[in-house]
Each structure stands twice: as C-alpha cells, then as structure tokens.
PDB file of all heavy atoms in Angstrom:
ATOM      1  N   ASP A   1      -8.029 -14.700  -5.839  1.00  0.00           N
ATOM      2  CA  ASP A   1      -9.348 -14.915  -6.429  1.00  0.00           C
ATOM      3  C   ASP A   1      -9.464 -16.264  -7.128  1.00  0.00           C
ATOM      4  O   ASP A   1     -10.505 -16.899  -7.089  1.00  0.00           O
ATOM      5  CB  ASP A   1      -9.677 -13.812  -7.435  1.00  0.00           C
ATOM      6  CG  ASP A   1     -10.029 -12.492  -6.765  1.00  0.00           C
ATOM      7  OD1 ASP A   1     -10.314 -12.494  -5.557  1.00  0.00           O
ATOM      8  OD2 ASP A   1     -10.013 -11.462  -7.462  1.00  0.00           O
ATOM      9  N   ALA A   2      -8.399 -16.691  -7.795  1.00  0.00           N
ATOM     10  CA  ALA A   2      -8.452 -17.921  -8.579  1.00  0.00           C
ATOM     11  C   ALA A   2      -8.348 -19.177  -7.717  1.00  0.00           C
ATOM     12  O   ALA A   2      -9.045 -20.150  -7.954  1.00  0.00           O
ATOM     13  CB  ALA A   2      -7.340 -17.917  -9.628  1.00  0.00           C
ATOM     14  N   THR A   3      -7.483 -19.153  -6.719  1.00  0.00           N
ATOM     15  CA  THR A   3      -7.217 -20.368  -5.946  1.00  0.00           C
ATOM     16  C   THR A   3      -7.864 -20.371  -4.569  1.00  0.00           C
ATOM     17  O   THR A   3      -8.002 -21.423  -3.964  1.00  0.00           O
ATOM     18  CB  THR A   3      -5.705 -20.559  -5.751  1.00  0.00           C
ATOM     19  OG1 THR A   3      -5.202 -19.496  -4.932  1.00  0.00           O
ATOM     20  CG2 THR A   3      -4.972 -20.599  -7.087  1.00  0.00           C
ATOM     21  N   GLY A   4      -8.168 -19.187  -4.026  1.00  0.00           N
ATOM     22  CA  GLY A   4      -8.694 -19.097  -2.672  1.00  0.00           C
ATOM     23  C   GLY A   4      -7.617 -19.229  -1.610  1.00  0.00           C
ATOM     24  O   GLY A   4      -7.899 -19.214  -0.412  1.00  0.00           O
ATOM     25  N   GLU A   5      -6.366 -19.350  -2.030  1.00  0.00           N
ATOM     26  CA  GLU A   5      -5.239 -19.481  -1.102  1.00  0.00           C
ATOM     27  C   GLU A   5      -4.819 -18.103  -0.579  1.00  0.00           C
ATOM     28  O   GLU A   5      -4.924 -17.107  -1.293  1.00  0.00           O
ATOM     29  CB  GLU A   5      -4.041 -20.126  -1.806  1.00  0.00           C
ATOM     30  CG  GLU A   5      -4.275 -21.558  -2.232  1.00  0.00           C
ATOM     31  CD  GLU A   5      -4.427 -22.498  -1.059  1.00  0.00           C
ATOM     32  OE1 GLU A   5      -3.729 -22.334  -0.047  1.00  0.00           O
ATOM     33  OE2 GLU A   5      -5.275 -23.410  -1.157  1.00  0.00           O
ATOM     34  N   PRO A   6      -4.316 -18.046   0.657  1.00  0.00           N
ATOM     35  CA  PRO A   6      -3.796 -16.776   1.178  1.00  0.00           C
ATOM     36  C   PRO A   6      -2.643 -16.282   0.305  1.00  0.00           C
ATOM     37  O   PRO A   6      -1.731 -17.042   0.006  1.00  0.00           O
ATOM     38  CB  PRO A   6      -3.301 -17.133   2.579  1.00  0.00           C
ATOM     39  CG  PRO A   6      -3.971 -18.421   2.924  1.00  0.00           C
ATOM     40  CD  PRO A   6      -4.210 -19.130   1.627  1.00  0.00           C
ATOM     41  N   GLY A   7      -2.701 -15.011  -0.109  1.00  0.00           N
ATOM     42  CA  GLY A   7      -1.667 -14.466  -0.984  1.00  0.00           C
ATOM     43  C   GLY A   7      -0.883 -13.316  -0.382  1.00  0.00           C
ATOM     44  O   GLY A   7       0.319 -13.207  -0.580  1.00  0.00           O
ATOM     45  N   TRP A   8      -1.565 -12.446   0.353  1.00  0.00           N
ATOM     46  CA  TRP A   8      -0.936 -11.243   0.907  1.00  0.00           C
ATOM     47  C   TRP A   8      -1.445 -11.024   2.321  1.00  0.00           C
ATOM     48  O   TRP A   8      -2.575 -11.365   2.649  1.00  0.00           O
ATOM     49  CB  TRP A   8      -1.298 -10.008   0.069  1.00  0.00           C
ATOM     50  CG  TRP A   8      -0.869 -10.115  -1.353  1.00  0.00           C
ATOM     51  CD1 TRP A   8      -1.596 -10.618  -2.388  1.00  0.00           C
ATOM     52  CD2 TRP A   8       0.392  -9.727  -1.897  1.00  0.00           C
ATOM     53  NE1 TRP A   8      -0.862 -10.563  -3.544  1.00  0.00           N
ATOM     54  CE2 TRP A   8       0.356 -10.023  -3.274  1.00  0.00           C
ATOM     55  CE3 TRP A   8       1.539  -9.160  -1.350  1.00  0.00           C
ATOM     56  CZ2 TRP A   8       1.436  -9.769  -4.115  1.00  0.00           C
ATOM     57  CZ3 TRP A   8       2.609  -8.903  -2.200  1.00  0.00           C
ATOM     58  CH2 TRP A   8       2.552  -9.199  -3.555  1.00  0.00           C
ATOM     59  N   ALA A   9      -0.605 -10.411   3.148  1.00  0.00           N
ATOM     60  CA  ALA A   9      -1.017 -10.030   4.498  1.00  0.00           C
ATOM     61  C   ALA A   9      -0.858  -8.526   4.641  1.00  0.00           C
ATOM     62  O   ALA A   9       0.144  -7.954   4.207  1.00  0.00           O
ATOM     63  CB  ALA A   9      -0.161 -10.733   5.555  1.00  0.00           C
ATOM     64  N   ALA A  10      -1.867  -7.883   5.221  1.00  0.00           N
ATOM     65  CA  ALA A  10      -1.771  -6.458   5.543  1.00  0.00           C
ATOM     66  C   ALA A  10      -1.170  -6.380   6.939  1.00  0.00           C
ATOM     67  O   ALA A  10      -1.736  -6.898   7.897  1.00  0.00           O
ATOM     68  CB  ALA A  10      -3.149  -5.808   5.512  1.00  0.00           C
ATOM     69  N   VAL A  11       0.004  -5.748   7.035  1.00  0.00           N
ATOM     70  CA  VAL A  11       0.733  -5.680   8.295  1.00  0.00           C
ATOM     71  C   VAL A  11       0.691  -4.259   8.834  1.00  0.00           C
ATOM     72  O   VAL A  11       1.106  -3.319   8.159  1.00  0.00           O
ATOM     73  CB  VAL A  11       2.204  -6.132   8.103  1.00  0.00           C
ATOM     74  CG1 VAL A  11       2.986  -6.000   9.393  1.00  0.00           C
ATOM     75  CG2 VAL A  11       2.260  -7.551   7.579  1.00  0.00           C
ATOM     76  N   ARG A  12       0.174  -4.121  10.037  1.00  0.00           N
ATOM     77  CA  ARG A  12       0.172  -2.824  10.730  1.00  0.00           C
ATOM     78  C   ARG A  12       1.552  -2.661  11.342  1.00  0.00           C
ATOM     79  O   ARG A  12       1.936  -3.406  12.222  1.00  0.00           O
ATOM     80  CB  ARG A  12      -0.914  -2.805  11.799  1.00  0.00           C
ATOM     81  CG  ARG A  12      -0.933  -1.594  12.707  1.00  0.00           C
ATOM     82  CD  ARG A  12      -1.361  -0.339  12.056  1.00  0.00           C
ATOM     83  NE  ARG A  12      -2.662  -0.503  11.421  1.00  0.00           N
ATOM     84  CZ  ARG A  12      -3.330   0.480  10.882  1.00  0.00           C
ATOM     85  NH1 ARG A  12      -2.850   1.695  10.898  1.00  0.00           N
ATOM     86  NH2 ARG A  12      -4.484   0.268  10.302  1.00  0.00           N
ATOM     87  N   THR A  13       2.317  -1.676  10.838  1.00  0.00           N
ATOM     88  CA  THR A  13       3.710  -1.516  11.264  1.00  0.00           C
ATOM     89  C   THR A  13       3.899  -0.516  12.390  1.00  0.00           C
ATOM     90  O   THR A  13       5.017  -0.317  12.848  1.00  0.00           O
ATOM     91  CB  THR A  13       4.605  -1.124  10.074  1.00  0.00           C
ATOM     92  OG1 THR A  13       4.121   0.105   9.533  1.00  0.00           O
ATOM     93  CG2 THR A  13       4.617  -2.204   9.016  1.00  0.00           C
ATOM     94  N   GLY A  14       2.834   0.116  12.839  1.00  0.00           N
ATOM     95  CA  GLY A  14       2.931   1.069  13.940  1.00  0.00           C
ATOM     96  C   GLY A  14       1.558   1.567  14.318  1.00  0.00           C
ATOM     97  O   GLY A  14       0.575   1.340  13.609  1.00  0.00           O
ATOM     98  N   LEU A  15       1.467   2.271  15.447  1.00  0.00           N
ATOM     99  CA  LEU A  15       0.182   2.721  15.962  1.00  0.00           C
ATOM    100  C   LEU A  15      -0.548   3.640  14.981  1.00  0.00           C
ATOM    101  O   LEU A  15      -1.742   3.496  14.757  1.00  0.00           O
ATOM    102  CB  LEU A  15       0.379   3.430  17.302  1.00  0.00           C
ATOM    103  CG  LEU A  15      -0.883   3.824  18.053  1.00  0.00           C
ATOM    104  CD1 LEU A  15      -1.750   2.601  18.323  1.00  0.00           C
ATOM    105  CD2 LEU A  15      -0.531   4.517  19.351  1.00  0.00           C
ATOM    106  N   PHE A  16       0.172   4.567  14.376  1.00  0.00           N
ATOM    107  CA  PHE A  16      -0.464   5.539  13.482  1.00  0.00           C
ATOM    108  C   PHE A  16      -0.055   5.368  12.023  1.00  0.00           C
ATOM    109  O   PHE A  16      -0.321   6.225  11.200  1.00  0.00           O
ATOM    110  CB  PHE A  16      -0.137   6.963  13.933  1.00  0.00           C
ATOM    111  CG  PHE A  16      -0.655   7.261  15.303  1.00  0.00           C
ATOM    112  CD1 PHE A  16       0.208   7.366  16.375  1.00  0.00           C
ATOM    113  CD2 PHE A  16      -2.022   7.388  15.525  1.00  0.00           C
ATOM    114  CE1 PHE A  16      -0.272   7.632  17.641  1.00  0.00           C
ATOM    115  CE2 PHE A  16      -2.509   7.645  16.793  1.00  0.00           C
ATOM    116  CZ  PHE A  16      -1.641   7.768  17.850  1.00  0.00           C
ATOM    117  N   SER A  17       0.565   4.254  11.697  1.00  0.00           N
ATOM    118  CA  SER A  17       1.005   4.053  10.317  1.00  0.00           C
ATOM    119  C   SER A  17      -0.011   3.219   9.545  1.00  0.00           C
ATOM    120  O   SER A  17      -0.844   2.539  10.116  1.00  0.00           O
ATOM    121  CB  SER A  17       2.383   3.391  10.290  1.00  0.00           C
ATOM    122  OG  SER A  17       2.344   2.167  10.976  1.00  0.00           O
ATOM    123  N   ARG A  18       0.094   3.287   8.240  1.00  0.00           N
ATOM    124  CA  ARG A  18      -0.797   2.530   7.369  1.00  0.00           C
ATOM    125  C   ARG A  18      -0.377   1.064   7.350  1.00  0.00           C
ATOM    126  O   ARG A  18       0.721   0.712   7.754  1.00  0.00           O
ATOM    127  CB  ARG A  18      -0.744   3.094   5.960  1.00  0.00           C
ATOM    128  CG  ARG A  18       0.619   2.900   5.308  1.00  0.00           C
ATOM    129  CD  ARG A  18       0.625   3.354   3.863  1.00  0.00           C
ATOM    130  NE  ARG A  18       1.948   3.286   3.292  1.00  0.00           N
ATOM    131  CZ  ARG A  18       2.487   2.192   2.775  1.00  0.00           C
ATOM    132  NH1 ARG A  18       1.832   1.074   2.770  1.00  0.00           N
ATOM    133  NH2 ARG A  18       3.701   2.229   2.261  1.00  0.00           N
ATOM    134  N   ASP A  19      -1.265   0.231   6.865  1.00  0.00           N
ATOM    135  CA  ASP A  19      -0.923  -1.173   6.676  1.00  0.00           C
ATOM    136  C   ASP A  19      -0.066  -1.308   5.424  1.00  0.00           C
ATOM    137  O   ASP A  19      -0.310  -0.634   4.421  1.00  0.00           O
ATOM    138  CB  ASP A  19      -2.178  -2.029   6.495  1.00  0.00           C
ATOM    139  CG  ASP A  19      -2.922  -2.270   7.802  1.00  0.00           C
ATOM    140  OD1 ASP A  19      -2.444  -1.823   8.860  1.00  0.00           O
ATOM    141  OD2 ASP A  19      -3.973  -2.915   7.758  1.00  0.00           O
ATOM    142  N   ALA A  20       0.926  -2.185   5.488  1.00  0.00           N
ATOM    143  CA  ALA A  20       1.758  -2.496   4.332  1.00  0.00           C
ATOM    144  C   ALA A  20       1.449  -3.933   3.926  1.00  0.00           C
ATOM    145  O   ALA A  20       1.357  -4.814   4.777  1.00  0.00           O
ATOM    146  CB  ALA A  20       3.236  -2.352   4.690  1.00  0.00           C
ATOM    147  N   LEU A  21       1.260  -4.158   2.630  1.00  0.00           N
ATOM    148  CA  LEU A  21       0.991  -5.510   2.165  1.00  0.00           C
ATOM    149  C   LEU A  21       2.294  -6.249   1.916  1.00  0.00           C
ATOM    150  O   LEU A  21       3.216  -5.711   1.307  1.00  0.00           O
ATOM    151  CB  LEU A  21       0.156  -5.480   0.885  1.00  0.00           C
ATOM    152  CG  LEU A  21      -1.276  -4.993   1.069  1.00  0.00           C
ATOM    153  CD1 LEU A  21      -2.012  -4.992  -0.255  1.00  0.00           C
ATOM    154  CD2 LEU A  21      -2.022  -5.840   2.064  1.00  0.00           C
ATOM    155  N   VAL A  22       2.350  -7.484   2.433  1.00  0.00           N
ATOM    156  CA  VAL A  22       3.514  -8.348   2.254  1.00  0.00           C
ATOM    157  C   VAL A  22       3.058  -9.683   1.671  1.00  0.00           C
ATOM    158  O   VAL A  22       2.015 -10.196   2.056  1.00  0.00           O
ATOM    159  CB  VAL A  22       4.263  -8.638   3.566  1.00  0.00           C
ATOM    160  CG1 VAL A  22       5.544  -7.935   3.685  1.00  0.00           C
ATOM    161  CG2 VAL A  22       3.436  -8.441   4.770  1.00  0.00           C
ATOM    162  N   PRO A  23       3.843 -10.223   0.744  1.00  0.00           N
ATOM    163  CA  PRO A  23       3.465 -11.513   0.172  1.00  0.00           C
ATOM    164  C   PRO A  23       3.608 -12.629   1.204  1.00  0.00           C
ATOM    165  O   PRO A  23       4.540 -12.636   2.002  1.00  0.00           O
ATOM    166  CB  PRO A  23       4.453 -11.704  -0.979  1.00  0.00           C
ATOM    167  CG  PRO A  23       5.577 -10.787  -0.702  1.00  0.00           C
ATOM    168  CD  PRO A  23       5.071  -9.691   0.167  1.00  0.00           C
ATOM    169  N   LEU A  24       2.666 -13.540   1.190  1.00  0.00           N
ATOM    170  CA  LEU A  24       2.736 -14.673   2.101  1.00  0.00           C
ATOM    171  C   LEU A  24       3.599 -15.797   1.543  1.00  0.00           C
ATOM    172  O   LEU A  24       3.957 -16.715   2.265  1.00  0.00           O
ATOM    173  CB  LEU A  24       1.331 -15.187   2.421  1.00  0.00           C
ATOM    174  CG  LEU A  24       0.545 -14.243   3.327  1.00  0.00           C
ATOM    175  CD1 LEU A  24      -0.898 -14.696   3.453  1.00  0.00           C
ATOM    176  CD2 LEU A  24       1.204 -14.141   4.690  1.00  0.00           C
ATOM    177  N   GLN A  25       3.937 -15.718   0.279  1.00  0.00           N
ATOM    178  CA  GLN A  25       4.841 -16.686  -0.314  1.00  0.00           C
ATOM    179  C   GLN A  25       6.131 -15.969  -0.599  1.00  0.00           C
ATOM    180  O   GLN A  25       6.087 -14.966  -1.290  1.00  0.00           O
ATOM    181  CB  GLN A  25       4.231 -17.237  -1.602  1.00  0.00           C
ATOM    182  CG  GLN A  25       4.929 -18.433  -2.158  1.00  0.00           C
ATOM    183  CD  GLN A  25       4.776 -19.642  -1.267  1.00  0.00           C
ATOM    184  OE1 GLN A  25       5.012 -19.565  -0.078  1.00  0.00           O
ATOM    185  NE2 GLN A  25       4.414 -20.758  -1.824  1.00  0.00           N
ATOM    186  N   PRO A  26       7.234 -16.228  -0.052  1.00  0.00           N
ATOM    187  CA  PRO A  26       7.715 -17.403   0.654  1.00  0.00           C
ATOM    188  C   PRO A  26       7.791 -17.225   2.172  1.00  0.00           C
ATOM    189  O   PRO A  26       8.715 -17.715   2.801  1.00  0.00           O
ATOM    190  CB  PRO A  26       9.088 -17.599   0.056  1.00  0.00           C
ATOM    191  CG  PRO A  26       9.587 -16.192  -0.142  1.00  0.00           C
ATOM    192  CD  PRO A  26       8.344 -15.401  -0.508  1.00  0.00           C
ATOM    193  N   SER A  27       6.855 -16.527   2.757  1.00  0.00           N
ATOM    194  CA  SER A  27       6.847 -16.347   4.212  1.00  0.00           C
ATOM    195  C   SER A  27       6.496 -17.657   4.898  1.00  0.00           C
ATOM    196  O   SER A  27       5.999 -18.591   4.274  1.00  0.00           O
ATOM    197  CB  SER A  27       5.823 -15.275   4.597  1.00  0.00           C
ATOM    198  OG  SER A  27       6.100 -14.070   3.931  1.00  0.00           O
ATOM    199  N   ARG A  28       6.731 -17.714   6.218  1.00  0.00           N
ATOM    200  CA  ARG A  28       6.360 -18.913   6.971  1.00  0.00           C
ATOM    201  C   ARG A  28       5.736 -18.518   8.295  1.00  0.00           C
ATOM    202  O   ARG A  28       6.117 -17.522   8.915  1.00  0.00           O
ATOM    203  CB  ARG A  28       7.549 -19.831   7.171  1.00  0.00           C
ATOM    204  CG  ARG A  28       8.615 -19.271   8.095  1.00  0.00           C
ATOM    205  CD  ARG A  28       9.755 -20.262   8.330  1.00  0.00           C
ATOM    206  NE  ARG A  28      10.815 -19.611   9.073  1.00  0.00           N
ATOM    207  CZ  ARG A  28      10.809 -19.439  10.383  1.00  0.00           C
ATOM    208  NH1 ARG A  28       9.805 -19.890  11.101  1.00  0.00           N
ATOM    209  NH2 ARG A  28      11.804 -18.824  10.991  1.00  0.00           N
ATOM    210  N   ALA A  29       4.756 -19.287   8.702  1.00  0.00           N
ATOM    211  CA  ALA A  29       4.088 -19.066   9.982  1.00  0.00           C
ATOM    212  C   ALA A  29       4.500 -20.175  10.937  1.00  0.00           C
ATOM    213  O   ALA A  29       4.640 -21.328  10.544  1.00  0.00           O
ATOM    214  CB  ALA A  29       2.574 -19.069   9.788  1.00  0.00           C
ATOM    215  N   ASP A  30       4.713 -19.789  12.209  1.00  0.00           N
ATOM    216  CA  ASP A  30       4.991 -20.774  13.246  1.00  0.00           C
ATOM    217  C   ASP A  30       4.347 -20.287  14.539  1.00  0.00           C
ATOM    218  O   ASP A  30       3.589 -19.314  14.522  1.00  0.00           O
ATOM    219  CB  ASP A  30       6.498 -21.011  13.403  1.00  0.00           C
ATOM    220  CG  ASP A  30       7.283 -19.765  13.820  1.00  0.00           C
ATOM    221  OD1 ASP A  30       6.682 -18.802  14.339  1.00  0.00           O
ATOM    222  OD2 ASP A  30       8.512 -19.763  13.632  1.00  0.00           O
ATOM    223  N   GLY A  31       4.629 -20.927  15.636  1.00  0.00           N
ATOM    224  CA  GLY A  31       4.029 -20.558  16.912  1.00  0.00           C
ATOM    225  C   GLY A  31       4.395 -19.160  17.383  1.00  0.00           C
ATOM    226  O   GLY A  31       3.666 -18.537  18.149  1.00  0.00           O
ATOM    227  N   GLU A  32       5.515 -18.643  16.909  1.00  0.00           N
ATOM    228  CA  GLU A  32       5.972 -17.311  17.300  1.00  0.00           C
ATOM    229  C   GLU A  32       5.239 -16.211  16.526  1.00  0.00           C
ATOM    230  O   GLU A  32       4.993 -15.132  17.042  1.00  0.00           O
ATOM    231  CB  GLU A  32       7.479 -17.221  17.050  1.00  0.00           C
ATOM    232  CG  GLU A  32       8.112 -15.938  17.526  1.00  0.00           C
ATOM    233  CD  GLU A  32       9.605 -15.904  17.240  1.00  0.00           C
ATOM    234  OE1 GLU A  32      10.091 -16.668  16.389  1.00  0.00           O
ATOM    235  OE2 GLU A  32      10.272 -15.095  17.878  1.00  0.00           O
ATOM    236  N   GLY A  33       4.928 -16.475  15.258  1.00  0.00           N
ATOM    237  CA  GLY A  33       4.273 -15.480  14.419  1.00  0.00           C
ATOM    238  C   GLY A  33       4.517 -15.750  12.955  1.00  0.00           C
ATOM    239  O   GLY A  33       4.753 -16.879  12.546  1.00  0.00           O
ATOM    240  N   LEU A  34       4.467 -14.681  12.163  1.00  0.00           N
ATOM    241  CA  LEU A  34       4.695 -14.760  10.725  1.00  0.00           C
ATOM    242  C   LEU A  34       6.072 -14.184  10.430  1.00  0.00           C
ATOM    243  O   LEU A  34       6.375 -13.050  10.823  1.00  0.00           O
ATOM    244  CB  LEU A  34       3.617 -13.967   9.980  1.00  0.00           C
ATOM    245  CG  LEU A  34       3.708 -13.944   8.469  1.00  0.00           C
ATOM    246  CD1 LEU A  34       3.474 -15.341   7.891  1.00  0.00           C
ATOM    247  CD2 LEU A  34       2.700 -12.959   7.893  1.00  0.00           C
ATOM    248  N   HIS A  35       6.902 -14.975   9.750  1.00  0.00           N
ATOM    249  CA  HIS A  35       8.259 -14.549   9.403  1.00  0.00           C
ATOM    250  C   HIS A  35       8.321 -14.279   7.912  1.00  0.00           C
ATOM    251  O   HIS A  35       8.038 -15.162   7.107  1.00  0.00           O
ATOM    252  CB  HIS A  35       9.269 -15.637   9.786  1.00  0.00           C
ATOM    253  CG  HIS A  35       9.272 -15.930  11.249  1.00  0.00           C
ATOM    254  ND1 HIS A  35      10.128 -15.324  12.130  1.00  0.00           N
ATOM    255  CD2 HIS A  35       8.473 -16.745  11.987  1.00  0.00           C
ATOM    256  CE1 HIS A  35       9.874 -15.773  13.351  1.00  0.00           C
ATOM    257  NE2 HIS A  35       8.872 -16.628  13.297  1.00  0.00           N
ATOM    258  N   VAL A  36       8.654 -13.039   7.552  1.00  0.00           N
ATOM    259  CA  VAL A  36       8.733 -12.646   6.151  1.00  0.00           C
ATOM    260  C   VAL A  36      10.192 -12.420   5.776  1.00  0.00           C
ATOM    261  O   VAL A  36      10.959 -11.883   6.570  1.00  0.00           O
ATOM    262  CB  VAL A  36       7.869 -11.396   5.858  1.00  0.00           C
ATOM    263  CG1 VAL A  36       6.402 -11.693   6.099  1.00  0.00           C
ATOM    264  CG2 VAL A  36       8.296 -10.212   6.692  1.00  0.00           C
TER     265      VAL A  36
END
C-alpha cells in the first residue's frame, strides 16, 4: 500500500488446493518463472 511495489504472490499449489502467499522479496523472476 505504501510503495506500490509487488510484495506477495498468491501461488496456486495444486488443482484443488488453496492459494498460498509467498513473499516476493528475496524471490527472483527470470525467463523460467519465479524462484522462491
């Protein structure tokens, strides 16, 4: 809310499972995907 920067990602971990929130810091994104 304060910075407007991406903070968390909701990750769908399976077909019938709920989304789990993961911090985007210190994660990294590349051409393959998001690495947490």
